[in-house]
Protein backbone atom coordinates (compact mmCIF):
# COMPACT_ATOMS: atom_id res chain seq x y z
CA MET A 1 0.00 0.00 0.00
CA ASN A 2 2.81 2.41 0.86
CA ASN A 3 4.59 1.64 -2.42
CA LEU A 4 1.42 2.29 -4.39
CA ARG A 5 0.85 5.58 -2.58
CA GLU A 6 4.44 6.65 -3.29
CA LYS A 7 4.11 5.78 -6.98
CA ARG A 8 0.97 7.89 -7.19
CA ARG A 9 2.68 10.77 -5.43
CA ILE A 10 5.62 10.63 -7.85
CA LYS A 11 3.25 10.45 -10.82
CA ARG A 12 1.34 13.52 -9.60
CA ALA A 13 4.55 15.43 -8.91
CA THR A 14 5.87 14.64 -12.40
CA ALA A 15 2.59 15.72 -13.97
CA ILE A 16 2.62 18.98 -12.02
CA VAL A 17 6.18 19.89 -13.08
CA THR A 18 5.45 18.98 -16.71
CA ALA A 19 2.31 21.14 -16.63
CA ALA A 20 4.17 24.01 -14.97
CA GLU A 21 6.89 23.94 -17.62
CA ALA A 22 4.30 24.10 -20.40
CA GLU A 23 2.31 26.87 -18.71
CA PHE A 24 5.42 28.94 -17.94
CA ARG A 25 6.55 28.75 -21.56
CA LEU A 26 3.09 29.64 -22.85
CA ALA A 27 2.07 32.43 -20.48
CA GLY A 28 5.37 33.48 -18.91
CA PHE A 29 6.22 33.11 -15.25
CA ALA A 30 4.48 36.24 -13.97
CA ALA A 31 1.24 35.69 -15.90
CA SER A 32 0.94 31.96 -15.28
CA ARG A 33 -1.64 30.83 -12.74
CA VAL A 34 -1.59 27.90 -10.35
CA ASP A 35 -5.14 26.95 -11.30
CA ALA A 36 -4.12 26.73 -14.98
CA ILE A 37 -1.18 24.53 -14.05
CA ALA A 38 -3.48 22.38 -11.93
CA ALA A 39 -5.89 21.97 -14.84
CA ARG A 40 -3.07 20.83 -17.12
CA ALA A 41 -1.83 18.37 -14.51
CA GLU A 42 -5.37 17.20 -13.68
CA VAL A 43 -4.91 17.87 -9.98
CA SER A 44 -6.39 20.42 -7.62
CA PRO A 45 -4.63 23.74 -6.93
CA ALA A 46 -4.43 22.64 -3.30
CA THR A 47 -2.33 19.66 -4.35
CA ILE A 48 0.18 21.97 -6.03
CA TYR A 49 0.42 24.19 -2.97
CA ASN A 50 0.79 21.11 -0.79
CA TYR A 51 3.58 19.67 -2.94
CA TYR A 52 5.51 22.81 -3.86
CA GLY A 53 4.18 25.85 -2.02
CA ASP A 54 4.23 28.40 -4.85
CA LYS A 55 5.17 29.12 -8.47
CA ALA A 56 8.77 29.96 -7.64
CA ALA A 57 9.35 26.53 -6.16
CA LEU A 58 7.71 24.98 -9.22
CA LEU A 59 10.04 26.91 -11.53
CA LEU A 60 13.06 25.65 -9.62
CA GLU A 61 11.74 22.09 -9.93
CA VAL A 62 11.60 22.60 -13.69
CA PHE A 63 15.20 23.86 -13.46
CA ARG A 64 16.25 20.76 -11.50
CA ARG A 65 14.61 18.42 -13.98
CA HIS A 66 16.29 20.19 -16.88
CA SER A 67 19.63 19.73 -15.15
CA ALA A 68 19.06 16.01 -14.55
CA VAL A 69 18.09 15.38 -18.19
CA THR A 70 21.05 17.39 -19.47
CA ARG A 71 23.48 15.49 -17.26
CA THR A 72 22.27 12.19 -18.74
CA ILE A 73 22.78 13.42 -22.30
CA VAL A 74 26.19 14.96 -21.65
CA SER A 75 27.49 11.83 -19.93
CA LYS A 76 27.60 10.09 -23.32
CA LEU A 77 29.94 12.76 -24.67
CA ILE A 78 32.14 12.57 -21.58
CA ARG A 79 32.49 8.80 -21.82
CA CYS A 80 33.57 8.90 -25.47
CA PRO A 81 34.71 12.39 -26.50
CA PRO A 82 35.93 13.29 -30.01
CA SER A 83 39.71 13.08 -30.29
CA ASP A 84 39.96 16.72 -31.36
CA PRO A 85 39.67 18.80 -28.15
CA ILE A 86 38.13 21.77 -29.95
CA VAL A 87 35.44 19.56 -31.47
CA ALA A 88 34.82 18.04 -28.04
CA ILE A 89 34.40 21.45 -26.39
CA ASP A 90 32.22 22.70 -29.24
CA ARG A 91 29.91 19.70 -28.88
CA TYR A 92 29.77 20.17 -25.13
CA PHE A 93 28.73 23.83 -25.30
CA THR A 94 26.31 23.10 -28.15
CA THR A 95 24.65 20.34 -26.13
CA ILE A 96 24.40 22.44 -22.97
CA PHE A 97 23.14 25.61 -24.67
CA ASP A 98 20.70 23.96 -27.09
CA ARG A 99 19.26 21.65 -24.45
CA SER A 100 18.75 24.62 -22.13
CA MET A 101 16.58 26.36 -24.70
CA ARG A 102 14.44 23.26 -25.16
CA ASN A 103 13.38 23.35 -21.52
CA LEU A 104 13.31 27.01 -20.48
CA SER A 105 13.04 30.30 -22.33
CA PRO A 106 15.60 33.06 -21.64
CA ALA A 107 13.00 34.86 -19.49
CA LEU A 108 12.38 31.73 -17.43
CA TRP A 109 16.11 31.19 -16.98
CA ARG A 110 16.40 34.73 -15.63
CA GLU A 111 13.51 34.07 -13.25
CA ALA A 112 15.06 30.79 -12.09
CA TYR A 113 18.41 32.45 -11.40
CA ALA A 114 16.72 35.31 -9.56
CA GLU A 115 14.70 32.95 -7.35
CA SER A 116 17.73 30.82 -6.59
CA TYR A 117 19.89 33.78 -5.60
CA ALA A 118 17.22 35.83 -3.83
CA GLY A 119 15.19 33.10 -2.15
CA PRO A 120 15.82 31.76 1.36
CA PRO A 121 18.90 29.48 1.34
CA ALA A 122 17.03 26.72 3.14
CA ARG A 123 14.43 26.71 0.39
CA PHE A 124 16.22 27.59 -2.83
CA GLY A 125 19.86 27.62 -1.86
CA GLY A 126 22.24 25.61 -3.95
CA VAL A 127 20.09 25.08 -7.04
CA VAL A 128 22.21 27.18 -9.40
CA ARG A 129 25.41 26.26 -7.55
CA ALA A 130 24.55 22.58 -7.98
CA PHE A 131 24.06 23.19 -11.70
CA ASP A 132 27.43 24.96 -11.96
CA ASP A 133 29.09 22.21 -9.94
CA ALA A 134 27.73 19.61 -12.36
CA VAL A 135 29.01 21.57 -15.38
CA TYR A 136 32.40 22.02 -13.70
CA GLU A 137 32.70 18.29 -12.98
CA GLU A 138 31.70 17.38 -16.54
CA MET A 139 34.30 19.73 -18.00
CA ARG A 140 36.94 18.45 -15.61
CA GLU A 141 36.23 14.88 -16.70
CA LEU A 142 36.24 15.93 -20.36
CA PHE A 143 39.60 17.70 -20.12
CA GLU A 144 41.00 14.85 -18.07
CA ALA A 145 39.92 12.35 -20.72
CA LEU A 146 41.53 14.43 -23.47
CA GLN A 147 44.75 14.74 -21.46
CA ARG A 148 44.72 11.00 -20.83
CA THR A 149 44.43 10.19 -24.54
CA GLY A 150 47.24 12.62 -25.35
CA THR A 151 45.23 14.99 -27.53
CA VAL A 152 45.88 17.71 -24.96
CA LYS A 153 49.26 18.05 -23.28
CA VAL A 154 48.85 20.85 -20.86
CA PRO A 155 50.82 22.19 -17.89
CA ILE A 156 47.49 23.11 -16.31
CA SER A 157 45.36 20.74 -14.28
CA SER A 158 42.02 19.53 -15.57
CA GLU A 159 40.53 21.24 -12.50
CA ASP A 160 41.83 24.65 -13.58
CA LEU A 161 40.83 24.05 -17.19
CA ALA A 162 37.33 23.22 -15.99
CA GLU A 163 37.17 26.41 -13.91
CA LEU A 164 38.17 28.42 -16.98
CA GLY A 165 35.68 26.56 -19.15
CA LEU A 166 32.88 27.15 -16.66
CA SER A 167 33.72 30.86 -16.43
CA VAL A 168 33.81 31.27 -20.20
CA GLY A 169 30.59 29.33 -20.65
CA ASN A 170 28.76 31.29 -17.96
CA LEU A 171 29.94 34.59 -19.43
CA HIS A 172 28.52 33.89 -22.87
CA TRP A 173 25.40 32.24 -21.46
CA SER A 174 24.76 35.41 -19.43
CA LEU A 175 25.30 37.59 -22.50
CA PHE A 176 22.72 35.52 -24.34
CA LEU A 177 20.19 35.59 -21.50
CA THR A 178 20.44 39.39 -21.28
CA GLY A 179 19.95 39.80 -25.02
CA LYS A 180 23.48 40.98 -25.79
CA THR A 181 24.26 38.13 -28.18
CA SER A 182 22.52 35.33 -30.05
CA LEU A 183 22.54 31.70 -28.95
CA ALA A 184 24.65 30.74 -31.96
CA SER A 185 27.20 33.47 -31.21
CA ALA A 186 27.31 32.51 -27.53
CA LYS A 187 28.23 28.93 -28.44
CA GLU A 188 30.75 29.98 -31.06
CA ASP A 189 32.44 32.56 -28.84
CA ALA A 190 32.67 30.19 -25.88
CA THR A 191 34.32 27.53 -28.04
CA ARG A 192 36.61 30.09 -29.70
CA GLN A 193 37.90 31.42 -26.40
CA ILE A 194 38.61 27.94 -25.05
CA SER A 195 40.40 27.15 -28.32
CA ILE A 196 42.68 30.16 -27.72
CA LEU A 197 43.79 28.52 -24.49
CA LEU A 198 44.12 25.06 -26.00
CA GLY A 199 45.83 26.40 -29.12
CA ASP A 200 49.11 26.71 -27.20
CA VAL A 201 48.86 23.37 -25.46
CA SER A 202 46.96 21.03 -27.81
CA MET A 203 49.12 18.34 -29.32
CA GLY A 204 48.94 19.14 -33.01
CA PRO A 205 50.84 17.21 -35.72
CA ASN A 206 53.89 19.48 -35.52
CA LYS A 207 54.12 19.85 -31.75
CA LYS A 208 55.84 17.51 -29.34
CA SER A 209 55.92 17.38 -25.60
CA ASP A 210 59.30 17.83 -23.94
CA GLY A 211 58.19 15.53 -21.15
CA ASN A 212 58.45 18.28 -18.56
CA ASP A 213 54.81 19.29 -18.40
CA ALA A 214 54.30 19.60 -14.65
CA VAL A 215 50.63 19.79 -13.80
CA ALA A 216 49.54 21.98 -10.91
CA THR A 217 46.55 20.57 -9.08
CA LYS A 218 43.75 22.51 -7.51
CA THR A 219 40.76 21.63 -5.39
CA ARG A 220 37.53 23.51 -6.05
CA SER A 221 35.95 24.92 -2.91
């Protein structure tokens, strides 16, 4: 009986988040109504308030689900990256940026960031940081894999490369969200700037390692 009740609860929660995502995209966050979301999910408004409390919490649940789906897709690239590091980075940014626009509009991303930063830490804290941490770890694993295969010989740790990659990606993602660049340009510029870094350290056909590439390690706090 308890298992059946839990399955029903999960099914309702999933339906509510799916309905909220659709309603947010259609009406926008500010104009969307809990009763409209409830109608889409075929539950009562009281159920939504009982499960999530308010629209802001629902938006962050949409954000969390987007992150979980994206992590699953990106893991395939991390496990078997292209041998060319620039191609690998380009595919990574393309996957992250394009997938993000399939789930949330720029306006909804701005709302999600605002709620995560401005909301009570006990309630919203860590949502965006958890997303950044996941991106950092993926990029660290990607750079580490490329270093391991010898396509990148770099006197910089994979940890530091990941920090740089995260910073570059967030910069161009923010420029896109604020309307200062297009999605295509954001992806291209992020990849281009990482390629500037890797251009001096990637193992091209005419470059050889001298065997003295000491790697400084760093722990992310």
